[in-house]
Amino acid sequence: MTDACRPGCGACCIAPSISSPIPGMPDGKPAGMRCIQLDDANLCRLFGDPRRPGVCTRFDYDPELCGERREEALRRIEALELAT
């Protein structure tokens, strides 16, 4: 299993809801919606940018949550979203 975020995964930019404003999405985004700042390679356009929402900068790779594949991460983050 990897011990770092998988480039091109993007699960954390799709599965959870984000209630804070995102450039291009002033009301945040609902769970399951692709963030407008996620590019075609599933990389965040705002990575390292001060406009990136705090919730996004605090989200970090966790092997239990992210699993071994993108599909696992999507399912697990979605389940966590539904449970909270």
N, C-alpha and C. Protein backbone atom coordinates (compact mmCIF):
# COMPACT_ATOMS: atom_id res chain seq x y z
N MET A 1 0.85 -1.18 0.00
CA MET A 1 0.00 0.00 0.00
C MET A 1 0.89 1.24 0.00
N THR A 2 0.46 2.24 -0.68
CA THR A 2 1.17 3.50 -0.72
C THR A 2 1.04 4.25 0.61
N ASP A 3 1.98 5.13 0.89
CA ASP A 3 1.89 5.90 2.13
C ASP A 3 1.73 7.39 1.87
N ALA A 4 1.32 7.73 0.66
CA ALA A 4 1.13 9.13 0.31
C ALA A 4 -0.07 9.26 -0.63
N CYS A 5 -0.57 10.46 -0.73
CA CYS A 5 -1.70 10.74 -1.61
C CYS A 5 -1.38 10.28 -3.03
N ARG A 6 -2.37 9.68 -3.68
CA ARG A 6 -2.19 9.22 -5.06
C ARG A 6 -2.48 10.36 -6.02
N PRO A 7 -1.48 10.84 -6.73
CA PRO A 7 -1.76 11.87 -7.74
C PRO A 7 -2.81 11.38 -8.73
N GLY A 8 -3.75 12.23 -9.02
CA GLY A 8 -4.79 11.88 -9.97
C GLY A 8 -5.96 11.13 -9.38
N CYS A 9 -6.00 10.96 -8.06
CA CYS A 9 -7.13 10.27 -7.42
C CYS A 9 -8.36 11.18 -7.41
N GLY A 10 -8.26 12.30 -6.72
CA GLY A 10 -9.35 13.28 -6.69
C GLY A 10 -10.57 12.89 -5.88
N ALA A 11 -10.54 11.75 -5.19
CA ALA A 11 -11.72 11.31 -4.44
C ALA A 11 -12.14 12.33 -3.38
N CYS A 12 -11.16 12.97 -2.74
CA CYS A 12 -11.49 13.95 -1.70
C CYS A 12 -12.03 15.25 -2.28
N CYS A 13 -11.98 15.39 -3.61
CA CYS A 13 -12.51 16.57 -4.29
C CYS A 13 -13.86 16.27 -4.95
N ILE A 14 -14.34 15.05 -4.76
CA ILE A 14 -15.61 14.64 -5.34
C ILE A 14 -16.59 14.16 -4.26
N ALA A 15 -16.16 13.20 -3.46
CA ALA A 15 -17.07 12.52 -2.53
C ALA A 15 -17.64 13.40 -1.42
N PRO A 16 -16.83 14.20 -0.73
CA PRO A 16 -17.41 14.94 0.40
C PRO A 16 -18.10 16.23 -0.02
N SER A 17 -19.00 16.68 0.84
CA SER A 17 -19.56 18.02 0.66
C SER A 17 -18.54 19.01 1.22
N ILE A 18 -18.53 20.20 0.67
CA ILE A 18 -17.67 21.28 1.17
C ILE A 18 -18.58 22.49 1.34
N SER A 19 -18.71 22.95 2.57
CA SER A 19 -19.65 24.04 2.85
C SER A 19 -19.01 25.42 2.69
N SER A 20 -17.70 25.49 2.67
CA SER A 20 -17.04 26.80 2.51
C SER A 20 -16.94 27.16 1.03
N PRO A 21 -16.83 28.45 0.74
CA PRO A 21 -16.72 28.88 -0.66
C PRO A 21 -15.44 28.36 -1.31
N ILE A 22 -15.57 28.04 -2.57
CA ILE A 22 -14.46 27.60 -3.41
C ILE A 22 -14.47 28.56 -4.60
N PRO A 23 -13.31 29.04 -5.06
CA PRO A 23 -13.34 29.87 -6.26
C PRO A 23 -14.10 29.18 -7.39
N GLY A 24 -15.12 29.85 -7.89
CA GLY A 24 -15.97 29.27 -8.92
C GLY A 24 -17.18 28.54 -8.37
N MET A 25 -17.20 28.29 -7.06
CA MET A 25 -18.32 27.62 -6.38
C MET A 25 -18.56 28.37 -5.07
N PRO A 26 -19.15 29.55 -5.12
CA PRO A 26 -19.28 30.39 -3.92
C PRO A 26 -20.09 29.78 -2.79
N ASP A 27 -20.93 28.80 -3.08
CA ASP A 27 -21.72 28.15 -2.05
C ASP A 27 -21.14 26.80 -1.64
N GLY A 28 -19.89 26.53 -2.03
CA GLY A 28 -19.31 25.22 -1.76
C GLY A 28 -19.82 24.20 -2.75
N LYS A 29 -19.81 22.92 -2.36
CA LYS A 29 -20.29 21.88 -3.26
C LYS A 29 -20.95 20.76 -2.47
N PRO A 30 -21.96 20.14 -3.06
CA PRO A 30 -22.59 19.00 -2.40
C PRO A 30 -21.75 17.73 -2.56
N ALA A 31 -21.99 16.77 -1.70
CA ALA A 31 -21.31 15.48 -1.79
C ALA A 31 -21.58 14.85 -3.16
N GLY A 32 -20.56 14.25 -3.71
CA GLY A 32 -20.70 13.55 -4.99
C GLY A 32 -20.51 14.43 -6.21
N MET A 33 -20.44 15.74 -6.02
CA MET A 33 -20.23 16.65 -7.14
C MET A 33 -18.73 16.90 -7.29
N ARG A 34 -18.28 16.88 -8.51
CA ARG A 34 -16.88 17.15 -8.80
C ARG A 34 -16.59 18.64 -8.55
N CYS A 35 -15.53 18.94 -7.81
CA CYS A 35 -15.15 20.33 -7.58
C CYS A 35 -14.73 20.96 -8.90
N ILE A 36 -15.14 22.19 -9.12
CA ILE A 36 -14.81 22.89 -10.34
C ILE A 36 -13.30 23.11 -10.48
N GLN A 37 -12.58 23.05 -9.36
CA GLN A 37 -11.13 23.26 -9.39
C GLN A 37 -10.34 21.97 -9.61
N LEU A 38 -11.04 20.87 -9.82
CA LEU A 38 -10.39 19.60 -10.12
C LEU A 38 -10.20 19.51 -11.62
N ASP A 39 -8.95 19.40 -12.07
CA ASP A 39 -8.70 19.41 -13.52
C ASP A 39 -8.94 18.02 -14.14
N ASP A 40 -8.72 17.91 -15.43
CA ASP A 40 -8.98 16.65 -16.15
C ASP A 40 -8.10 15.50 -15.69
N ALA A 41 -6.97 15.81 -15.07
CA ALA A 41 -6.07 14.78 -14.54
C ALA A 41 -6.37 14.50 -13.06
N ASN A 42 -7.50 15.01 -12.56
CA ASN A 42 -7.91 14.86 -11.16
C ASN A 42 -6.90 15.46 -10.19
N LEU A 43 -6.33 16.59 -10.57
CA LEU A 43 -5.42 17.33 -9.70
C LEU A 43 -6.06 18.67 -9.37
N CYS A 44 -5.83 19.15 -8.14
CA CYS A 44 -6.42 20.40 -7.69
C CYS A 44 -5.69 21.59 -8.31
N ARG A 45 -6.45 22.45 -8.97
CA ARG A 45 -5.87 23.66 -9.56
C ARG A 45 -5.45 24.66 -8.49
N LEU A 46 -5.99 24.51 -7.27
CA LEU A 46 -5.70 25.46 -6.20
C LEU A 46 -4.66 24.96 -5.21
N PHE A 47 -4.05 23.81 -5.48
CA PHE A 47 -3.05 23.26 -4.57
C PHE A 47 -1.93 24.29 -4.38
N GLY A 48 -1.67 24.66 -3.13
CA GLY A 48 -0.65 25.66 -2.84
C GLY A 48 -1.12 27.10 -2.98
N ASP A 49 -2.36 27.30 -3.38
CA ASP A 49 -2.92 28.63 -3.59
C ASP A 49 -3.64 29.05 -2.30
N PRO A 50 -3.44 30.28 -1.83
CA PRO A 50 -4.10 30.71 -0.60
C PRO A 50 -5.63 30.75 -0.69
N ARG A 51 -6.18 30.71 -1.91
CA ARG A 51 -7.64 30.70 -2.05
C ARG A 51 -8.23 29.31 -1.81
N ARG A 52 -7.39 28.31 -1.71
CA ARG A 52 -7.88 26.94 -1.47
C ARG A 52 -8.56 26.89 -0.10
N PRO A 53 -9.77 26.33 -0.02
CA PRO A 53 -10.48 26.28 1.26
C PRO A 53 -9.68 25.57 2.35
N GLY A 54 -9.80 26.07 3.57
CA GLY A 54 -9.10 25.47 4.70
C GLY A 54 -9.40 24.01 4.88
N VAL A 55 -10.65 23.60 4.66
CA VAL A 55 -11.01 22.20 4.81
C VAL A 55 -10.20 21.33 3.83
N CYS A 56 -9.92 21.86 2.69
CA CYS A 56 -9.15 21.11 1.69
C CYS A 56 -7.67 21.02 2.08
N THR A 57 -7.13 22.10 2.60
CA THR A 57 -5.72 22.07 3.00
C THR A 57 -5.51 21.16 4.20
N ARG A 58 -6.53 21.01 5.05
CA ARG A 58 -6.40 20.14 6.22
C ARG A 58 -6.66 18.67 5.90
N PHE A 59 -7.31 18.40 4.79
CA PHE A 59 -7.57 17.00 4.42
C PHE A 59 -6.25 16.37 4.00
N ASP A 60 -5.93 15.25 4.60
CA ASP A 60 -4.65 14.60 4.32
C ASP A 60 -4.88 13.12 4.04
N TYR A 61 -3.95 12.54 3.35
CA TYR A 61 -4.01 11.11 3.05
C TYR A 61 -4.09 10.30 4.34
N ASP A 62 -4.99 9.35 4.37
CA ASP A 62 -5.11 8.42 5.48
C ASP A 62 -5.31 7.04 4.85
N PRO A 63 -4.40 6.10 5.08
CA PRO A 63 -4.50 4.80 4.42
C PRO A 63 -5.81 4.06 4.71
N GLU A 64 -6.36 4.24 5.91
CA GLU A 64 -7.62 3.57 6.23
C GLU A 64 -8.78 4.16 5.45
N LEU A 65 -8.75 5.45 5.24
CA LEU A 65 -9.83 6.12 4.50
C LEU A 65 -9.63 5.98 3.00
N CYS A 66 -8.42 6.17 2.54
CA CYS A 66 -8.16 6.21 1.10
C CYS A 66 -8.00 4.83 0.47
N GLY A 67 -7.71 3.82 1.26
CA GLY A 67 -7.57 2.48 0.71
C GLY A 67 -6.41 2.36 -0.27
N GLU A 68 -6.49 1.34 -1.09
CA GLU A 68 -5.41 1.07 -2.04
C GLU A 68 -5.69 1.60 -3.44
N ARG A 69 -6.94 1.94 -3.71
CA ARG A 69 -7.31 2.41 -5.05
C ARG A 69 -8.29 3.57 -4.94
N ARG A 70 -8.37 4.35 -5.99
CA ARG A 70 -9.26 5.50 -6.05
C ARG A 70 -10.71 5.10 -5.76
N GLU A 71 -11.14 3.98 -6.32
CA GLU A 71 -12.52 3.53 -6.13
C GLU A 71 -12.82 3.28 -4.65
N GLU A 72 -11.84 2.71 -3.94
CA GLU A 72 -12.01 2.50 -2.50
C GLU A 72 -12.15 3.84 -1.79
N ALA A 73 -11.32 4.79 -2.15
CA ALA A 73 -11.37 6.11 -1.52
C ALA A 73 -12.73 6.76 -1.75
N LEU A 74 -13.22 6.69 -2.97
CA LEU A 74 -14.54 7.27 -3.27
C LEU A 74 -15.63 6.64 -2.42
N ARG A 75 -15.64 5.31 -2.34
CA ARG A 75 -16.65 4.61 -1.54
C ARG A 75 -16.54 4.94 -0.05
N ARG A 76 -15.32 4.94 0.46
CA ARG A 76 -15.12 5.17 1.89
C ARG A 76 -15.44 6.60 2.29
N ILE A 77 -15.03 7.56 1.48
CA ILE A 77 -15.33 8.96 1.80
C ILE A 77 -16.83 9.21 1.68
N GLU A 78 -17.45 8.61 0.68
CA GLU A 78 -18.91 8.73 0.53
C GLU A 78 -19.63 8.14 1.74
N ALA A 79 -19.19 7.00 2.22
CA ALA A 79 -19.82 6.37 3.40
C ALA A 79 -19.63 7.25 4.63
N LEU A 80 -18.47 7.83 4.78
CA LEU A 80 -18.23 8.73 5.90
C LEU A 80 -19.12 9.96 5.81
N GLU A 81 -19.26 10.49 4.62
CA GLU A 81 -20.14 11.65 4.39
C GLU A 81 -21.58 11.31 4.79
N LEU A 82 -22.06 10.15 4.37
CA LEU A 82 -23.43 9.75 4.70
C LEU A 82 -23.62 9.53 6.19
N ALA A 83 -22.56 9.08 6.88
CA ALA A 83 -22.65 8.79 8.30
C ALA A 83 -22.60 10.05 9.16
N THR A 84 -22.17 11.15 8.58
CA THR A 84 -22.02 12.36 9.40
C THR A 84 -23.03 13.39 9.05
